[in-house]
Amino acid sequence: MTNPNEDLVLDADGIPILTDLVRENETPESTEQLQKDDVSADELAGLLLNSDTFRQQLKNIEIETSYKAGEVAAMALRPSLEEAISLAIDDSNTASYEAVRKQLETALPDLLARTLHN
């Protein structure tokens, strides 16, 4: 069996090409034990949790789920955050606008005089 972390060989349509042959009479070693014995649910859970492949798959699911949850949360919060930012800008805009206008009114005569003399 190939390592699940290896890159898959893909055909022109992006479909994975399977390279490991599994014959009808062959069984992977990990499942041979399960077929020979009558395994309880607890034993099966223990075997799965002790399997590196299974734990890696769980880790991959965890990473993908966390990423997706973050995306969903960001999309849900985005309108509220944009509105809060917009309101904050609007509230400060009047004071900022007035301060800039007063500074320009005060500085404009000097700026015009310097420009005309040069």
PDB file of N, CA and C in Angstrom:
ATOM      1  N   MET A   1       0.843  -1.171   0.000  1.00  0.00           N
ATOM      2  CA  MET A   1       0.000   0.000   0.000  1.00  0.00           C
ATOM      3  C   MET A   1       0.890   1.236   0.000  1.00  0.00           C
ATOM      4  N   THR A   2       0.484   2.284  -0.698  1.00  0.00           N
ATOM      5  CA  THR A   2       1.291   3.498  -0.749  1.00  0.00           C
ATOM      6  C   THR A   2       1.080   4.311   0.509  1.00  0.00           C
ATOM      7  N   ASN A   3       2.034   5.156   0.773  1.00  0.00           N
ATOM      8  CA  ASN A   3       1.950   6.073   1.902  1.00  0.00           C
ATOM      9  C   ASN A   3       0.883   7.113   1.583  1.00  0.00           C
ATOM     10  N   PRO A   4      -0.100   7.357   2.470  1.00  0.00           N
ATOM     11  CA  PRO A   4      -1.167   8.311   2.170  1.00  0.00           C
ATOM     12  C   PRO A   4      -0.657   9.741   2.060  1.00  0.00           C
ATOM     13  N   ASN A   5       0.555  10.007   2.549  1.00  0.00           N
ATOM     14  CA  ASN A   5       1.099  11.358   2.472  1.00  0.00           C
ATOM     15  C   ASN A   5       1.819  11.627   1.158  1.00  0.00           C
ATOM     16  N   GLU A   6       2.052  10.567   0.353  1.00  0.00           N
ATOM     17  CA  GLU A   6       2.710  10.741  -0.931  1.00  0.00           C
ATOM     18  C   GLU A   6       1.741  11.370  -1.923  1.00  0.00           C
ATOM     19  N   ASP A   7       2.311  12.066  -2.909  1.00  0.00           N
ATOM     20  CA  ASP A   7       1.478  12.636  -3.958  1.00  0.00           C
ATOM     21  C   ASP A   7       0.947  11.519  -4.843  1.00  0.00           C
ATOM     22  N   LEU A   8      -0.307  11.628  -5.212  1.00  0.00           N
ATOM     23  CA  LEU A   8      -0.916  10.634  -6.085  1.00  0.00           C
ATOM     24  C   LEU A   8      -0.588  10.956  -7.531  1.00  0.00           C
ATOM     25  N   VAL A   9      -0.468   9.920  -8.320  1.00  0.00           N
ATOM     26  CA  VAL A   9      -0.306  10.089  -9.763  1.00  0.00           C
ATOM     27  C   VAL A   9      -1.707  10.307 -10.317  1.00  0.00           C
ATOM     28  N   LEU A  10      -1.870  11.378 -11.093  1.00  0.00           N
ATOM     29  CA  LEU A  10      -3.191  11.721 -11.626  1.00  0.00           C
ATOM     30  C   LEU A  10      -3.196  11.586 -13.140  1.00  0.00           C
ATOM     31  N   ASP A  11      -4.365  11.241 -13.688  1.00  0.00           N
ATOM     32  CA  ASP A  11      -4.491  11.215 -15.141  1.00  0.00           C
ATOM     33  C   ASP A  11      -4.800  12.627 -15.634  1.00  0.00           C
ATOM     34  N   ALA A  12      -5.050  12.782 -16.917  1.00  0.00           N
ATOM     35  CA  ALA A  12      -5.278  14.099 -17.512  1.00  0.00           C
ATOM     36  C   ALA A  12      -6.501  14.799 -16.933  1.00  0.00           C
ATOM     37  N   ASP A  13      -7.466  14.038 -16.429  1.00  0.00           N
ATOM     38  CA  ASP A  13      -8.676  14.618 -15.842  1.00  0.00           C
ATOM     39  C   ASP A  13      -8.540  14.855 -14.341  1.00  0.00           C
ATOM     40  N   GLY A  14      -7.368  14.571 -13.775  1.00  0.00           N
ATOM     41  CA  GLY A  14      -7.164  14.770 -12.344  1.00  0.00           C
ATOM     42  C   GLY A  14      -7.630  13.618 -11.483  1.00  0.00           C
ATOM     43  N   ILE A  15      -7.910  12.488 -12.098  1.00  0.00           N
ATOM     44  CA  ILE A  15      -8.364  11.308 -11.361  1.00  0.00           C
ATOM     45  C   ILE A  15      -7.146  10.497 -10.952  1.00  0.00           C
ATOM     46  N   PRO A  16      -7.066  10.101  -9.674  1.00  0.00           N
ATOM     47  CA  PRO A  16      -5.896   9.328  -9.223  1.00  0.00           C
ATOM     48  C   PRO A  16      -5.770   8.008  -9.976  1.00  0.00           C
ATOM     49  N   ILE A  17      -4.536   7.676 -10.303  1.00  0.00           N
ATOM     50  CA  ILE A  17      -4.231   6.396 -10.940  1.00  0.00           C
ATOM     51  C   ILE A  17      -3.726   5.469  -9.845  1.00  0.00           C
ATOM     52  N   LEU A  18      -4.409   4.364  -9.649  1.00  0.00           N
ATOM     53  CA  LEU A  18      -4.026   3.417  -8.622  1.00  0.00           C
ATOM     54  C   LEU A  18      -2.848   2.597  -9.109  1.00  0.00           C
ATOM     55  N   THR A  19      -1.799   2.539  -8.290  1.00  0.00           N
ATOM     56  CA  THR A  19      -0.569   1.867  -8.709  1.00  0.00           C
ATOM     57  C   THR A  19      -0.285   0.597  -7.925  1.00  0.00           C
ATOM     58  N   ASP A  20      -0.933   0.393  -6.789  1.00  0.00           N
ATOM     59  CA  ASP A  20      -0.712  -0.807  -5.987  1.00  0.00           C
ATOM     60  C   ASP A  20      -1.780  -1.839  -6.300  1.00  0.00           C
ATOM     61  N   LEU A  21      -1.331  -3.006  -6.687  1.00  0.00           N
ATOM     62  CA  LEU A  21      -2.270  -4.074  -6.992  1.00  0.00           C
ATOM     63  C   LEU A  21      -2.672  -4.800  -5.717  1.00  0.00           C
ATOM     64  N   VAL A  22      -3.933  -5.125  -5.604  1.00  0.00           N
ATOM     65  CA  VAL A  22      -4.432  -5.948  -4.508  1.00  0.00           C
ATOM     66  C   VAL A  22      -5.161  -7.108  -5.158  1.00  0.00           C
ATOM     67  N   ARG A  23      -4.652  -8.292  -4.890  1.00  0.00           N
ATOM     68  CA  ARG A  23      -5.264  -9.480  -5.479  1.00  0.00           C
ATOM     69  C   ARG A  23      -6.342 -10.008  -4.543  1.00  0.00           C
ATOM     70  N   GLU A  24      -7.248 -10.749  -5.110  1.00  0.00           N
ATOM     71  CA  GLU A  24      -8.391 -11.259  -4.362  1.00  0.00           C
ATOM     72  C   GLU A  24      -7.978 -12.090  -3.153  1.00  0.00           C
ATOM     73  N   ASN A  25      -6.943 -12.871  -3.273  1.00  0.00           N
ATOM     74  CA  ASN A  25      -6.550 -13.753  -2.181  1.00  0.00           C
ATOM     75  C   ASN A  25      -5.572 -13.085  -1.201  1.00  0.00           C
ATOM     76  N   GLU A  26      -5.206 -11.829  -1.462  1.00  0.00           N
ATOM     77  CA  GLU A  26      -4.306 -11.112  -0.567  1.00  0.00           C
ATOM     78  C   GLU A  26      -5.111 -10.213   0.371  1.00  0.00           C
ATOM     79  N   THR A  27      -4.655 -10.159   1.600  1.00  0.00           N
ATOM     80  CA  THR A  27      -5.292  -9.299   2.587  1.00  0.00           C
ATOM     81  C   THR A  27      -4.203  -8.512   3.287  1.00  0.00           C
ATOM     82  N   PRO A  28      -4.372  -7.213   3.437  1.00  0.00           N
ATOM     83  CA  PRO A  28      -3.373  -6.461   4.191  1.00  0.00           C
ATOM     84  C   PRO A  28      -3.208  -7.049   5.589  1.00  0.00           C
ATOM     85  N   GLU A  29      -1.985  -6.974   6.118  1.00  0.00           N
ATOM     86  CA  GLU A  29      -1.683  -7.582   7.409  1.00  0.00           C
ATOM     87  C   GLU A  29      -2.580  -7.069   8.530  1.00  0.00           C
ATOM     88  N   SER A  30      -2.900  -5.800   8.502  1.00  0.00           N
ATOM     89  CA  SER A  30      -3.700  -5.229   9.594  1.00  0.00           C
ATOM     90  C   SER A  30      -5.104  -5.820   9.649  1.00  0.00           C
ATOM     91  N   THR A  31      -5.636  -6.257   8.494  1.00  0.00           N
ATOM     92  CA  THR A  31      -6.981  -6.821   8.504  1.00  0.00           C
ATOM     93  C   THR A  31      -6.978  -8.329   8.695  1.00  0.00           C
ATOM     94  N   GLU A  32      -5.822  -8.975   8.473  1.00  0.00           N
ATOM     95  CA  GLU A  32      -5.756 -10.420   8.673  1.00  0.00           C
ATOM     96  C   GLU A  32      -6.082 -10.795  10.111  1.00  0.00           C
ATOM     97  N   GLN A  33      -5.556 -10.030  11.056  1.00  0.00           N
ATOM     98  CA  GLN A  33      -5.805 -10.302  12.470  1.00  0.00           C
ATOM     99  C   GLN A  33      -7.301 -10.161  12.781  1.00  0.00           C
ATOM    100  N   LEU A  34      -7.941  -9.163  12.186  1.00  0.00           N
ATOM    101  CA  LEU A  34      -9.362  -8.947  12.431  1.00  0.00           C
ATOM    102  C   LEU A  34     -10.197 -10.087  11.862  1.00  0.00           C
ATOM    103  N   GLN A  35      -9.767 -10.650  10.728  1.00  0.00           N
ATOM    104  CA  GLN A  35     -10.527 -11.720  10.119  1.00  0.00           C
ATOM    105  C   GLN A  35     -10.356 -13.031  10.888  1.00  0.00           C
ATOM    106  N   LYS A  36      -9.198 -13.255  11.493  1.00  0.00           N
ATOM    107  CA  LYS A  36      -8.934 -14.500  12.199  1.00  0.00           C
ATOM    108  C   LYS A  36      -9.668 -14.562  13.533  1.00  0.00           C
ATOM    109  N   ASP A  37      -9.764 -13.457  14.193  1.00  0.00           N
ATOM    110  CA  ASP A  37     -10.356 -13.423  15.534  1.00  0.00           C
ATOM    111  C   ASP A  37     -11.705 -12.722  15.506  1.00  0.00           C
ATOM    112  N   ASP A  38     -12.519 -13.091  16.474  1.00  0.00           N
ATOM    113  CA  ASP A  38     -13.755 -12.363  16.678  1.00  0.00           C
ATOM    114  C   ASP A  38     -13.398 -11.188  17.589  1.00  0.00           C
ATOM    115  N   VAL A  39     -13.368  -9.989  17.042  1.00  0.00           N
ATOM    116  CA  VAL A  39     -12.875  -8.817  17.759  1.00  0.00           C
ATOM    117  C   VAL A  39     -14.051  -8.015  18.292  1.00  0.00           C
ATOM    118  N   SER A  40     -13.956  -7.635  19.574  1.00  0.00           N
ATOM    119  CA  SER A  40     -15.016  -6.811  20.168  1.00  0.00           C
ATOM    120  C   SER A  40     -14.869  -5.369  19.680  1.00  0.00           C
ATOM    121  N   ALA A  41     -15.898  -4.588  19.908  1.00  0.00           N
ATOM    122  CA  ALA A  41     -15.878  -3.182  19.503  1.00  0.00           C
ATOM    123  C   ALA A  41     -14.757  -2.427  20.212  1.00  0.00           C
ATOM    124  N   ASP A  42     -14.539  -2.737  21.496  1.00  0.00           N
ATOM    125  CA  ASP A  42     -13.460  -2.076  22.240  1.00  0.00           C
ATOM    126  C   ASP A  42     -12.091  -2.422  21.664  1.00  0.00           C
ATOM    127  N   GLU A  43     -11.907  -3.701  21.322  1.00  0.00           N
ATOM    128  CA  GLU A  43     -10.634  -4.125  20.743  1.00  0.00           C
ATOM    129  C   GLU A  43     -10.428  -3.490  19.370  1.00  0.00           C
ATOM    130  N   LEU A  44     -11.503  -3.428  18.595  1.00  0.00           N
ATOM    131  CA  LEU A  44     -11.424  -2.807  17.280  1.00  0.00           C
ATOM    132  C   LEU A  44     -11.071  -1.326  17.408  1.00  0.00           C
ATOM    133  N   ALA A  45     -11.709  -0.648  18.352  1.00  0.00           N
ATOM    134  CA  ALA A  45     -11.396   0.765  18.587  1.00  0.00           C
ATOM    135  C   ALA A  45      -9.941   0.923  18.995  1.00  0.00           C
ATOM    136  N   GLY A  46      -9.456   0.048  19.852  1.00  0.00           N
ATOM    137  CA  GLY A  46      -8.059   0.096  20.271  1.00  0.00           C
ATOM    138  C   GLY A  46      -7.111  -0.116  19.110  1.00  0.00           C
ATOM    139  N   LEU A  47      -7.431  -1.088  18.244  1.00  0.00           N
ATOM    140  CA  LEU A  47      -6.594  -1.335  17.070  1.00  0.00           C
ATOM    141  C   LEU A  47      -6.568  -0.115  16.146  1.00  0.00           C
ATOM    142  N   LEU A  48      -7.739   0.476  15.949  1.00  0.00           N
ATOM    143  CA  LEU A  48      -7.796   1.658  15.080  1.00  0.00           C
ATOM    144  C   LEU A  48      -7.017   2.830  15.676  1.00  0.00           C
ATOM    145  N   LEU A  49      -7.217   3.069  16.966  1.00  0.00           N
ATOM    146  CA  LEU A  49      -6.546   4.203  17.605  1.00  0.00           C
ATOM    147  C   LEU A  49      -5.035   4.015  17.688  1.00  0.00           C
ATOM    148  N   ASN A  50      -4.575   2.777  17.656  1.00  0.00           N
ATOM    149  CA  ASN A  50      -3.136   2.504  17.669  1.00  0.00           C
ATOM    150  C   ASN A  50      -2.549   2.457  16.262  1.00  0.00           C
ATOM    151  N   SER A  51      -3.381   2.602  15.263  1.00  0.00           N
ATOM    152  CA  SER A  51      -2.925   2.569  13.882  1.00  0.00           C
ATOM    153  C   SER A  51      -2.436   3.959  13.461  1.00  0.00           C
ATOM    154  N   ASP A  52      -1.193   4.037  12.987  1.00  0.00           N
ATOM    155  CA  ASP A  52      -0.643   5.319  12.538  1.00  0.00           C
ATOM    156  C   ASP A  52      -1.451   5.887  11.376  1.00  0.00           C
ATOM    157  N   THR A  53      -1.861   5.036  10.463  1.00  0.00           N
ATOM    158  CA  THR A  53      -2.640   5.486   9.309  1.00  0.00           C
ATOM    159  C   THR A  53      -3.964   6.092   9.753  1.00  0.00           C
ATOM    160  N   PHE A  54      -4.656   5.398  10.657  1.00  0.00           N
ATOM    161  CA  PHE A  54      -5.941   5.887  11.146  1.00  0.00           C
ATOM    162  C   PHE A  54      -5.770   7.214  11.883  1.00  0.00           C
ATOM    163  N   ARG A  55      -4.733   7.305  12.733  1.00  0.00           N
ATOM    164  CA  ARG A  55      -4.493   8.550  13.477  1.00  0.00           C
ATOM    165  C   ARG A  55      -4.153   9.697  12.530  1.00  0.00           C
ATOM    166  N   GLN A  56      -3.416   9.412  11.458  1.00  0.00           N
ATOM    167  CA  GLN A  56      -3.098  10.453  10.478  1.00  0.00           C
ATOM    168  C   GLN A  56      -4.359  10.913   9.763  1.00  0.00           C
ATOM    169  N   GLN A  57      -5.248   9.965   9.442  1.00  0.00           N
ATOM    170  CA  GLN A  57      -6.510  10.340   8.804  1.00  0.00           C
ATOM    171  C   GLN A  57      -7.351  11.204   9.739  1.00  0.00           C
ATOM    172  N   LEU A  58      -7.381  10.851  11.023  1.00  0.00           N
ATOM    173  CA  LEU A  58      -8.107  11.673  11.999  1.00  0.00           C
ATOM    174  C   LEU A  58      -7.510  13.072  12.082  1.00  0.00           C
ATOM    175  N   LYS A  59      -6.182  13.163  12.063  1.00  0.00           N
ATOM    176  CA  LYS A  59      -5.495  14.451  12.117  1.00  0.00           C
ATOM    177  C   LYS A  59      -5.847  15.284  10.895  1.00  0.00           C
ATOM    178  N   ASN A  60      -5.878  14.650   9.719  1.00  0.00           N
ATOM    179  CA  ASN A  60      -6.246  15.360   8.495  1.00  0.00           C
ATOM    180  C   ASN A  60      -7.677  15.881   8.568  1.00  0.00           C
ATOM    181  N   ILE A  61      -8.579  15.065   9.105  1.00  0.00           N
ATOM    182  CA  ILE A  61      -9.974  15.489   9.268  1.00  0.00           C
ATOM    183  C   ILE A  61     -10.046  16.657  10.246  1.00  0.00           C
ATOM    184  N   GLU A  62      -9.289  16.569  11.328  1.00  0.00           N
ATOM    185  CA  GLU A  62      -9.265  17.647  12.328  1.00  0.00           C
ATOM    186  C   GLU A  62      -8.784  18.961  11.707  1.00  0.00           C
ATOM    187  N   ILE A  63      -7.711  18.893  10.934  1.00  0.00           N
ATOM    188  CA  ILE A  63      -7.164  20.095  10.305  1.00  0.00           C
ATOM    189  C   ILE A  63      -8.173  20.697   9.338  1.00  0.00           C
ATOM    190  N   GLU A  64      -8.757  19.848   8.495  1.00  0.00           N
ATOM    191  CA  GLU A  64      -9.725  20.346   7.513  1.00  0.00           C
ATOM    192  C   GLU A  64     -10.966  20.921   8.184  1.00  0.00           C
ATOM    193  N   THR A  65     -11.438  20.242   9.221  1.00  0.00           N
ATOM    194  CA  THR A  65     -12.619  20.719   9.938  1.00  0.00           C
ATOM    195  C   THR A  65     -12.343  22.046  10.625  1.00  0.00           C
ATOM    196  N   SER A  66     -11.181  22.177  11.252  1.00  0.00           N
ATOM    197  CA  SER A  66     -10.813  23.436  11.910  1.00  0.00           C
ATOM    198  C   SER A  66     -10.731  24.564  10.894  1.00  0.00           C
ATOM    199  N   TYR A  67     -10.120  24.285   9.745  1.00  0.00           N
ATOM    200  CA  TYR A  67      -9.996  25.294   8.698  1.00  0.00           C
ATOM    201  C   TYR A  67     -11.374  25.728   8.199  1.00  0.00           C
ATOM    202  N   LYS A  68     -12.226  24.746   7.934  1.00  0.00           N
ATOM    203  CA  LYS A  68     -13.578  25.055   7.447  1.00  0.00           C
ATOM    204  C   LYS A  68     -14.372  25.840   8.490  1.00  0.00           C
ATOM    205  N   ALA A  69     -14.239  25.447   9.768  1.00  0.00           N
ATOM    206  CA  ALA A  69     -14.944  26.163  10.836  1.00  0.00           C
ATOM    207  C   ALA A  69     -14.469  27.610  10.910  1.00  0.00           C
ATOM    208  N   GLY A  70     -13.170  27.809  10.741  1.00  0.00           N
ATOM    209  CA  GLY A  70     -12.630  29.177  10.731  1.00  0.00           C
ATOM    210  C   GLY A  70     -13.186  29.993   9.583  1.00  0.00           C
ATOM    211  N   GLU A  71     -13.274  29.372   8.408  1.00  0.00           N
ATOM    212  CA  GLU A  71     -13.836  30.066   7.243  1.00  0.00           C
ATOM    213  C   GLU A  71     -15.297  30.436   7.475  1.00  0.00           C
ATOM    214  N   VAL A  72     -16.065  29.502   8.018  1.00  0.00           N
ATOM    215  CA  VAL A  72     -17.485  29.750   8.279  1.00  0.00           C
ATOM    216  C   VAL A  72     -17.641  30.875   9.297  1.00  0.00           C
ATOM    217  N   ALA A  73     -16.830  30.845  10.365  1.00  0.00           N
ATOM    218  CA  ALA A  73     -16.901  31.893  11.395  1.00  0.00           C
ATOM    219  C   ALA A  73     -16.531  33.248  10.799  1.00  0.00           C
ATOM    220  N   ALA A  74     -15.484  33.279   9.980  1.00  0.00           N
ATOM    221  CA  ALA A  74     -15.068  34.539   9.369  1.00  0.00           C
ATOM    222  C   ALA A  74     -16.162  35.091   8.458  1.00  0.00           C
ATOM    223  N   MET A  75     -16.779  34.209   7.677  1.00  0.00           N
ATOM    224  CA  MET A  75     -17.857  34.656   6.789  1.00  0.00           C
ATOM    225  C   MET A  75     -19.060  35.148   7.577  1.00  0.00           C
ATOM    226  N   ALA A  76     -19.356  34.499   8.697  1.00  0.00           N
ATOM    227  CA  ALA A  76     -20.497  34.908   9.525  1.00  0.00           C
ATOM    228  C   ALA A  76     -20.225  36.243  10.213  1.00  0.00           C
ATOM    229  N   LEU A  77     -18.985  36.458  10.624  1.00  0.00           N
ATOM    230  CA  LEU A  77     -18.639  37.685  11.344  1.00  0.00           C
ATOM    231  C   LEU A  77     -18.338  38.862  10.419  1.00  0.00           C
ATOM    232  N   ARG A  78     -18.020  38.582   9.175  1.00  0.00           N
ATOM    233  CA  ARG A  78     -17.595  39.633   8.259  1.00  0.00           C
ATOM    234  C   ARG A  78     -18.577  40.805   8.166  1.00  0.00           C
ATOM    235  N   PRO A  79     -19.867  40.573   7.942  1.00  0.00           N
ATOM    236  CA  PRO A  79     -20.785  41.726   7.851  1.00  0.00           C
ATOM    237  C   PRO A  79     -20.805  42.568   9.127  1.00  0.00           C
ATOM    238  N   SER A  80     -20.783  41.914  10.280  1.00  0.00           N
ATOM    239  CA  SER A  80     -20.803  42.655  11.543  1.00  0.00           C
ATOM    240  C   SER A  80     -19.528  43.463  11.724  1.00  0.00           C
ATOM    241  N   LEU A  81     -18.395  42.861  11.377  1.00  0.00           N
ATOM    242  CA  LEU A  81     -17.125  43.579  11.495  1.00  0.00           C
ATOM    243  C   LEU A  81     -17.057  44.757  10.529  1.00  0.00           C
ATOM    244  N   GLU A  82     -17.511  44.554   9.303  1.00  0.00           N
ATOM    245  CA  GLU A  82     -17.510  45.650   8.333  1.00  0.00           C
ATOM    246  C   GLU A  82     -18.410  46.790   8.805  1.00  0.00           C
ATOM    247  N   GLU A  83     -19.559  46.448   9.365  1.00  0.00           N
ATOM    248  CA  GLU A  83     -20.464  47.484   9.867  1.00  0.00           C
ATOM    249  C   GLU A  83     -19.845  48.236  11.042  1.00  0.00           C
ATOM    250  N   ALA A  84     -19.201  47.511  11.954  1.00  0.00           N
ATOM    251  CA  ALA A  84     -18.568  48.150  13.107  1.00  0.00           C
ATOM    252  C   ALA A  84     -17.449  49.088  12.660  1.00  0.00           C
ATOM    253  N   ILE A  85     -16.652  48.648  11.690  1.00  0.00           N
ATOM    254  CA  ILE A  85     -15.574  49.499  11.175  1.00  0.00           C
ATOM    255  C   ILE A  85     -16.150  50.726  10.488  1.00  0.00           C
ATOM    256  N   SER A  86     -17.182  50.516   9.694  1.00  0.00           N
ATOM    257  CA  SER A  86     -17.811  51.629   8.993  1.00  0.00           C
ATOM    258  C   SER A  86     -18.384  52.650   9.973  1.00  0.00           C
ATOM    259  N   LEU A  87     -19.051  52.169  11.011  1.00  0.00           N
ATOM    260  CA  LEU A  87     -19.609  53.086  12.018  1.00  0.00           C
ATOM    261  C   LEU A  87     -18.503  53.842  12.748  1.00  0.00           C
ATOM    262  N   ALA A  88     -17.421  53.167  13.059  1.00  0.00           N
ATOM    263  CA  ALA A  88     -16.305  53.826  13.742  1.00  0.00           C
ATOM    264  C   ALA A  88     -15.699  54.909  12.860  1.00  0.00           C
ATOM    265  N   ILE A  89     -15.560  54.610  11.561  1.00  0.00           N
ATOM    266  CA  ILE A  89     -15.016  55.608  10.633  1.00  0.00           C
ATOM    267  C   ILE A  89     -15.977  56.782  10.506  1.00  0.00           C
ATOM    268  N   ASP A  90     -17.270  56.488  10.389  1.00  0.00           N
ATOM    269  CA  ASP A  90     -18.261  57.562  10.269  1.00  0.00           C
ATOM    270  C   ASP A  90     -18.262  58.457  11.507  1.00  0.00           C
ATOM    271  N   ASP A  91     -18.162  57.857  12.684  1.00  0.00           N
ATOM    272  CA  ASP A  91     -18.158  58.644  13.914  1.00  0.00           C
ATOM    273  C   ASP A  91     -16.931  59.534  14.013  1.00  0.00           C
ATOM    274  N   SER A  92     -15.789  59.030  13.577  1.00  0.00           N
ATOM    275  CA  SER A  92     -14.571  59.827  13.673  1.00  0.00           C
ATOM    276  C   SER A  92     -14.407  60.740  12.464  1.00  0.00           C
ATOM    277  N   ASN A  93     -15.136  60.456  11.395  1.00  0.00           N
ATOM    278  CA  ASN A  93     -14.992  61.195  10.161  1.00  0.00           C
ATOM    279  C   ASN A  93     -15.347  62.667  10.345  1.00  0.00           C
ATOM    280  N   THR A  94     -16.414  62.972  11.058  1.00  0.00           N
ATOM    281  CA  THR A  94     -16.849  64.356  11.241  1.00  0.00           C
ATOM    282  C   THR A  94     -15.778  65.150  11.972  1.00  0.00           C
ATOM    283  N   ALA A  95     -15.265  64.609  13.052  1.00  0.00           N
ATOM    284  CA  ALA A  95     -14.229  65.300  13.810  1.00  0.00           C
ATOM    285  C   ALA A  95     -12.957  65.425  12.980  1.00  0.00           C
ATOM    286  N   SER A  96     -12.590  64.382  12.284  1.00  0.00           N
ATOM    287  CA  SER A  96     -11.388  64.423  11.446  1.00  0.00           C
ATOM    288  C   SER A  96     -11.553  65.424  10.316  1.00  0.00           C
ATOM    289  N   TYR A  97     -12.710  65.390   9.693  1.00  0.00           N
ATOM    290  CA  TYR A  97     -12.982  66.314   8.590  1.00  0.00           C
ATOM    291  C   TYR A  97     -12.880  67.764   9.062  1.00  0.00           C
ATOM    292  N   GLU A  98     -13.476  68.050  10.182  1.00  0.00           N
ATOM    293  CA  GLU A  98     -13.442  69.418  10.716  1.00  0.00           C
ATOM    294  C   GLU A  98     -12.027  69.850  11.060  1.00  0.00           C
ATOM    295  N   ALA A  99     -11.247  68.962  11.650  1.00  0.00           N
ATOM    296  CA  ALA A  99      -9.866  69.303  12.016  1.00  0.00           C
ATOM    297  C   ALA A  99      -9.039  69.592  10.764  1.00  0.00           C
ATOM    298  N   VAL A 100      -9.183  68.748   9.729  1.00  0.00           N
ATOM    299  CA  VAL A 100      -8.440  68.964   8.488  1.00  0.00           C
ATOM    300  C   VAL A 100      -8.895  70.251   7.815  1.00  0.00           C
ATOM    301  N   ARG A 101     -10.201  70.510   7.793  1.00  0.00           N
ATOM    302  CA  ARG A 101     -10.729  71.738   7.156  1.00  0.00           C
ATOM    303  C   ARG A 101     -10.181  72.981   7.835  1.00  0.00           C
ATOM    304  N   LYS A 102     -10.159  72.975   9.170  1.00  0.00           N
ATOM    305  CA  LYS A 102      -9.652  74.139   9.902  1.00  0.00           C
ATOM    306  C   LYS A 102      -8.165  74.350   9.638  1.00  0.00           C
ATOM    307  N   GLN A 103      -7.410  73.258   9.595  1.00  0.00           N
ATOM    308  CA  GLN A 103      -5.980  73.389   9.314  1.00  0.00           C
ATOM    309  C   GLN A 103      -5.740  73.931   7.911  1.00  0.00           C
ATOM    310  N   LEU A 104      -6.523  73.445   6.940  1.00  0.00           N
ATOM    311  CA  LEU A 104      -6.371  73.941   5.573  1.00  0.00           C
ATOM    312  C   LEU A 104      -6.767  75.418   5.469  1.00  0.00           C
ATOM    313  N   GLU A 105      -7.846  75.820   6.131  1.00  0.00           N
ATOM    314  CA  GLU A 105      -8.257  77.220   6.112  1.00  0.00           C
ATOM    315  C   GLU A 105      -7.176  78.124   6.699  1.00  0.00           C
ATOM    316  N   THR A 106      -6.543  77.638   7.757  1.00  0.00           N
ATOM    317  CA  THR A 106      -5.501  78.421   8.401  1.00  0.00           C
ATOM    318  C   THR A 106      -4.250  78.489   7.530  1.00  0.00           C
ATOM    319  N   ALA A 107      -3.878  77.380   6.915  1.00  0.00           N
ATOM    320  CA  ALA A 107      -2.630  77.314   6.158  1.00  0.00           C
ATOM    321  C   ALA A 107      -2.766  77.808   4.728  1.00  0.00           C
ATOM    322  N   LEU A 108      -3.960  77.840   4.194  1.00  0.00           N
ATOM    323  CA  LEU A 108      -4.157  78.167   2.776  1.00  0.00           C
ATOM    324  C   LEU A 108      -3.622  79.550   2.391  1.00  0.00           C
ATOM    325  N   PRO A 109      -3.898  80.610   3.136  1.00  0.00           N
ATOM    326  CA  PRO A 109      -3.354  81.915   2.726  1.00  0.00           C
ATOM    327  C   PRO A 109      -1.823  81.920   2.621  1.00  0.00           C
ATOM    328  N   ASP A 110      -1.147  81.285   3.581  1.00  0.00           N
ATOM    329  CA  ASP A 110       0.313  81.213   3.528  1.00  0.00           C
ATOM    330  C   ASP A 110       0.778  80.393   2.333  1.00  0.00           C
ATOM    331  N   LEU A 111       0.106  79.267   2.093  1.00  0.00           N
ATOM    332  CA  LEU A 111       0.470  78.433   0.953  1.00  0.00           C
ATOM    333  C   LEU A 111       0.290  79.164  -0.362  1.00  0.00           C
ATOM    334  N   LEU A 112      -0.806  79.923  -0.512  1.00  0.00           N
ATOM    335  CA  LEU A 112      -1.050  80.692  -1.747  1.00  0.00           C
ATOM    336  C   LEU A 112      -0.009  81.782  -1.907  1.00  0.00           C
ATOM    337  N   ALA A 113       0.302  82.454  -0.822  1.00  0.00           N
ATOM    338  CA  ALA A 113       1.303  83.526  -0.895  1.00  0.00           C
ATOM    339  C   ALA A 113       2.655  82.974  -1.305  1.00  0.00           C
ATOM    340  N   ARG A 114       3.081  81.859  -0.727  1.00  0.00           N
ATOM    341  CA  ARG A 114       4.375  81.272  -1.097  1.00  0.00           C
ATOM    342  C   ARG A 114       4.356  80.797  -2.551  1.00  0.00           C
ATOM    343  N   THR A 115       3.246  80.259  -2.978  1.00  0.00           N
ATOM    344  CA  THR A 115       3.160  79.769  -4.347  1.00  0.00           C
ATOM    345  C   THR A 115       3.239  80.917  -5.333  1.00  0.00           C
ATOM    346  N   LEU A 116       2.558  82.026  -5.045  1.00  0.00           N
ATOM    347  CA  LEU A 116       2.558  83.178  -5.960  1.00  0.00           C
ATOM    348  C   LEU A 116       3.921  83.858  -6.022  1.00  0.00           C
ATOM    349  N   HIS A 117       4.670  83.824  -4.939  1.00  0.00           N
ATOM    350  CA  HIS A 117       5.990  84.477  -4.923  1.00  0.00           C
ATOM    351  C   HIS A 117       7.045  83.619  -5.597  1.00  0.00           C
ATOM    352  N   ASN A 118       6.814  82.360  -5.762  1.00  0.00           N
ATOM    353  CA  ASN A 118       7.811  81.497  -6.399  1.00  0.00           C
ATOM    354  C   ASN A 118       7.524  81.435  -7.831  1.00  0.00           C
TER     355      ASN A 118
END
